[in-house]
Amino acid sequence: MFSTLANKLSLFRMLLSPVFFLMIISEDALMQQLSIAVFLIAAMTDWYDGEIARRSGTVTNIGKFLDPLADKFLTSAAFIAFAVLELVPWWMVIVIVLRDLIITVLRSLAESRNVHIITSKAAQTKTFIQMTVLYYLLLLVVGQDVLWIRELLGGAIDALLHPTVTYLLMLVVTLLTVTTGIQYVIDNRRFVTGLFGKRKQLAG
C-alpha cells in the first residue's frame, strides 16, 4: 500500500501534522518557532510526492487518495491550532475542516475511479486565499514571541492579530469554503448522486 516513495511522503506529511500541531500550541517560544520548519517540510513533501509519482510512473489509486487527504490533515491541524490558541472562532474552523475533508474524500474517490472532476476558478481562488491566511496567522503567531521581530515591527503584530482583523479574514475564508463546496457538488452532481445511489443499492 505504501510501497512507493510518493505514498510514503504523503504518509510522512500526515504524521508531521500532529507534530506541528503540538509544537505550535506549545507555550515554549522555541517550539513554536520550530513548528514553522516542520510545517514547511511537510508542505514541501506535497510538491515532491506528486512530482515523484508522475516522473517514476508510480501513480496509484491509494496515492490519489492519500495526497490530497494529507494536505487537508496539515491545513486542518493549523486551523484547529489557531482555534485552540483562541485566534479564530471554533465554528469557522469546524466548517472549513469538515467541508475540506468531505470534498477531498469525494474528489479522491472520483479520481480513483478515473472520473474527471471539475475544479472551478473560485475553488482555486479559495485555496489560494485559505493558504495565504494560514501563513499570515502562522508567521504572526510565531513572530510575536521573537524579540527582534517585535522590535522591528513594533506594535504592528498586535494590530495585525487584532480579533476583528482575524475574524474578518477567517469569515472570508469560511464563506468561500462553503460557497465553493456547494458549487463543487452542483458541478459534479452526476458523480455524487451516482456514488450515493450505488451505496443504496449495496445496502439494499
Protein backbone atom coordinates (compact mmCIF):
# COMPACT_ATOMS: atom_id res chain seq x y z
CA MET A 1 0.00 0.00 0.00
CA PHE A 2 2.75 2.46 0.96
CA SER A 3 5.46 0.80 -1.12
CA THR A 4 6.06 3.79 -3.43
CA LEU A 5 8.16 6.74 -2.35
CA ALA A 6 5.37 9.18 -3.25
CA ASN A 7 2.90 7.39 -0.96
CA LYS A 8 5.46 7.30 1.84
CA LEU A 9 5.91 11.07 1.53
CA SER A 10 2.13 11.56 1.75
CA LEU A 11 2.04 9.37 4.85
CA PHE A 12 5.01 11.30 6.28
CA ARG A 13 3.10 14.56 5.75
CA MET A 14 0.14 13.14 7.65
CA LEU A 15 2.40 12.08 10.52
CA LEU A 16 4.02 15.53 10.67
CA SER A 17 0.62 17.22 11.06
CA PRO A 18 0.07 16.29 14.75
CA VAL A 19 3.75 17.06 15.45
CA PHE A 20 3.28 20.54 14.01
CA PHE A 21 0.02 20.94 15.95
CA LEU A 22 1.61 20.12 19.31
CA MET A 23 4.55 22.40 18.62
CA ILE A 24 2.53 25.45 17.52
CA ILE A 25 0.20 25.33 20.54
CA SER A 26 3.15 24.89 22.90
CA GLU A 27 3.85 27.73 25.34
CA ASP A 28 7.53 27.34 24.53
CA ALA A 29 8.60 30.06 22.07
CA LEU A 30 11.36 27.88 20.60
CA MET A 31 8.93 25.04 19.93
CA GLN A 32 6.61 27.47 18.16
CA GLN A 33 9.46 28.75 16.03
CA LEU A 34 10.49 25.21 15.11
CA SER A 35 6.89 24.47 14.18
CA ILE A 36 7.32 26.66 11.09
CA ALA A 37 10.18 24.44 9.92
CA VAL A 38 8.04 21.34 10.46
CA PHE A 39 5.16 22.92 8.56
CA LEU A 40 7.39 23.93 5.65
CA ILE A 41 8.97 20.47 5.45
CA ALA A 42 5.51 18.92 5.40
CA ALA A 43 4.34 21.39 2.76
CA MET A 44 7.37 20.63 0.58
CA THR A 45 6.51 16.93 0.54
CA ASP A 46 3.24 17.89 -1.15
CA TRP A 47 5.14 19.01 -4.23
CA TYR A 48 7.67 16.20 -4.17
CA ASP A 49 5.27 13.28 -3.79
CA GLY A 50 3.24 14.31 -6.83
CA GLU A 51 6.31 15.07 -8.91
CA ILE A 52 7.99 11.79 -7.96
CA ALA A 53 4.84 9.78 -8.73
CA ARG A 54 4.48 11.35 -12.18
CA ARG A 55 8.16 11.07 -13.16
CA SER A 56 8.53 7.50 -11.95
CA GLY A 57 5.18 6.39 -13.32
CA THR A 58 4.07 5.16 -9.90
CA VAL A 59 0.75 7.00 -9.66
CA THR A 60 -1.57 4.70 -7.69
CA ASN A 61 -5.18 4.83 -6.57
CA ILE A 62 -4.11 4.91 -2.93
CA GLY A 63 -1.76 7.75 -3.81
CA LYS A 64 -4.60 9.70 -5.42
CA PHE A 65 -6.46 9.30 -2.14
CA LEU A 66 -3.58 9.92 0.26
CA ASP A 67 -2.05 13.00 -1.37
CA PRO A 68 -5.00 15.42 -1.06
CA LEU A 69 -6.02 13.90 2.28
CA ALA A 70 -2.54 14.54 3.67
CA ASP A 71 -2.81 18.17 2.52
CA LYS A 72 -6.05 18.61 4.44
CA PHE A 73 -4.57 16.94 7.52
CA LEU A 74 -1.86 19.60 7.54
CA THR A 75 -4.07 22.62 6.89
CA SER A 76 -6.71 21.35 9.31
CA ALA A 77 -4.07 20.91 12.01
CA ALA A 78 -3.07 24.55 11.51
CA PHE A 79 -6.59 25.97 11.65
CA ILE A 80 -7.51 23.83 14.67
CA ALA A 81 -4.35 25.07 16.41
CA PHE A 82 -5.38 28.68 15.75
CA ALA A 83 -8.76 27.93 17.34
CA VAL A 84 -7.07 26.34 20.36
CA LEU A 85 -4.93 29.48 20.67
CA GLU A 86 -8.19 31.48 20.56
CA LEU A 87 -7.17 33.40 17.46
CA VAL A 88 -10.15 32.31 15.37
CA PRO A 89 -13.70 31.11 16.14
CA TRP A 90 -14.22 27.39 16.51
CA TRP A 91 -17.36 27.34 14.37
CA MET A 92 -15.46 28.69 11.37
CA VAL A 93 -12.71 26.11 11.76
CA ILE A 94 -15.23 23.27 12.07
CA VAL A 95 -16.99 24.40 8.87
CA ILE A 96 -13.71 24.70 6.96
CA VAL A 97 -12.30 21.37 8.15
CA LEU A 98 -15.49 19.38 7.54
CA ARG A 99 -16.03 20.86 4.08
CA ASP A 100 -12.43 20.30 3.01
CA LEU A 101 -12.31 16.72 4.28
CA ILE A 102 -15.66 15.79 2.70
CA ILE A 103 -14.78 17.31 -0.68
CA THR A 104 -11.29 15.78 -0.56
CA VAL A 105 -12.71 12.31 0.06
CA LEU A 106 -15.24 12.73 -2.77
CA ARG A 107 -12.53 14.00 -5.12
CA SER A 108 -10.22 11.13 -4.19
CA LEU A 109 -12.95 8.57 -4.77
CA ALA A 110 -13.65 10.09 -8.18
CA GLU A 111 -10.00 10.09 -9.24
CA SER A 112 -9.55 6.52 -8.05
CA ARG A 113 -12.34 5.59 -10.46
CA ASN A 114 -10.86 7.68 -13.29
CA VAL A 115 -13.74 10.16 -13.14
CA HIS A 116 -12.84 13.68 -14.28
CA ILE A 117 -13.64 16.23 -11.59
CA ILE A 118 -14.41 19.86 -12.41
CA THR A 119 -12.33 22.33 -10.41
CA SER A 120 -13.70 25.86 -10.66
CA LYS A 121 -11.67 29.06 -10.67
CA ALA A 122 -13.49 30.01 -7.48
CA ALA A 123 -12.22 26.85 -5.78
CA GLN A 124 -8.66 27.63 -6.85
CA THR A 125 -9.08 31.17 -5.52
CA LYS A 126 -10.43 29.75 -2.26
CA THR A 127 -7.38 27.54 -1.85
CA PHE A 128 -5.02 30.45 -2.53
CA ILE A 129 -6.78 32.75 -0.05
CA GLN A 130 -7.03 29.97 2.53
CA MET A 131 -3.30 29.26 2.37
CA THR A 132 -2.47 32.98 2.42
CA VAL A 133 -4.49 33.47 5.62
CA LEU A 134 -2.96 30.33 7.10
CA TYR A 135 0.61 31.53 6.52
CA TYR A 136 -0.36 35.03 7.67
CA LEU A 137 -1.55 33.72 11.03
CA LEU A 138 1.27 31.21 11.39
CA LEU A 139 4.04 33.77 10.85
CA LEU A 140 2.43 36.33 13.15
CA VAL A 141 1.73 33.82 15.94
CA VAL A 142 5.36 32.75 15.93
CA GLY A 143 6.73 36.23 15.28
CA GLN A 144 5.01 37.83 18.26
CA ASP A 145 7.33 35.93 20.61
CA VAL A 146 10.52 36.63 18.66
CA LEU A 147 12.20 39.67 20.17
CA TRP A 148 13.88 41.03 17.05
CA ILE A 149 10.69 40.74 15.04
CA ARG A 150 8.70 42.59 17.69
CA GLU A 151 11.35 45.29 17.81
CA LEU A 152 11.32 45.54 14.02
CA LEU A 153 7.56 45.70 13.62
CA GLY A 154 6.72 47.48 16.86
CA GLY A 155 3.02 47.28 17.61
CA ALA A 156 2.16 46.13 14.08
CA ILE A 157 1.91 42.47 15.12
CA ASP A 158 -0.73 43.24 17.72
CA ALA A 159 -2.68 45.25 15.15
CA LEU A 160 -2.41 42.50 12.52
CA LEU A 161 -3.55 39.90 15.06
CA HIS A 162 -6.40 42.06 16.35
CA PRO A 163 -9.54 39.92 16.86
CA THR A 164 -11.50 41.99 14.34
CA VAL A 165 -8.85 41.51 11.66
CA THR A 166 -8.52 37.75 12.18
CA TYR A 167 -12.31 37.36 12.38
CA LEU A 168 -12.86 39.13 9.06
CA LEU A 169 -10.08 37.18 7.35
CA MET A 170 -11.47 33.88 8.57
CA LEU A 171 -15.01 34.93 7.66
CA VAL A 172 -13.90 35.45 4.05
CA VAL A 173 -12.22 32.02 4.04
CA THR A 174 -15.29 30.38 5.59
CA LEU A 175 -17.73 31.93 3.14
CA LEU A 176 -15.53 30.97 0.18
CA THR A 177 -15.18 27.47 1.60
CA VAL A 178 -18.95 26.99 1.90
CA THR A 179 -19.85 28.50 -1.48
CA THR A 180 -17.18 26.59 -3.39
CA GLY A 181 -18.20 23.39 -1.60
CA ILE A 182 -21.80 23.87 -2.75
CA GLN A 183 -20.59 24.71 -6.25
CA TYR A 184 -18.43 21.56 -6.28
CA VAL A 185 -21.44 19.36 -5.50
CA ILE A 186 -23.57 21.10 -8.15
CA ASP A 187 -20.87 20.91 -10.84
CA ASN A 188 -20.23 17.22 -10.09
CA ARG A 189 -23.74 16.23 -9.07
CA ARG A 190 -23.84 13.32 -11.51
CA PHE A 191 -20.89 11.63 -9.83
CA VAL A 192 -22.07 12.50 -6.29
CA THR A 193 -25.61 11.21 -6.83
CA GLY A 194 -24.25 8.15 -8.61
CA LEU A 195 -21.92 7.43 -5.71
CA PHE A 196 -24.71 7.55 -3.14
CA GLY A 197 -27.00 5.65 -5.48
CA LYS A 198 -24.53 2.76 -5.61
CA ARG A 199 -24.27 2.73 -1.83
CA LYS A 200 -28.05 2.49 -1.52
CA GLN A 201 -28.06 -0.44 -3.94
CA LEU A 202 -25.39 -2.21 -1.90
CA ALA A 203 -27.31 -1.52 1.32
CA GLY A 204 -30.49 -2.91 -0.27
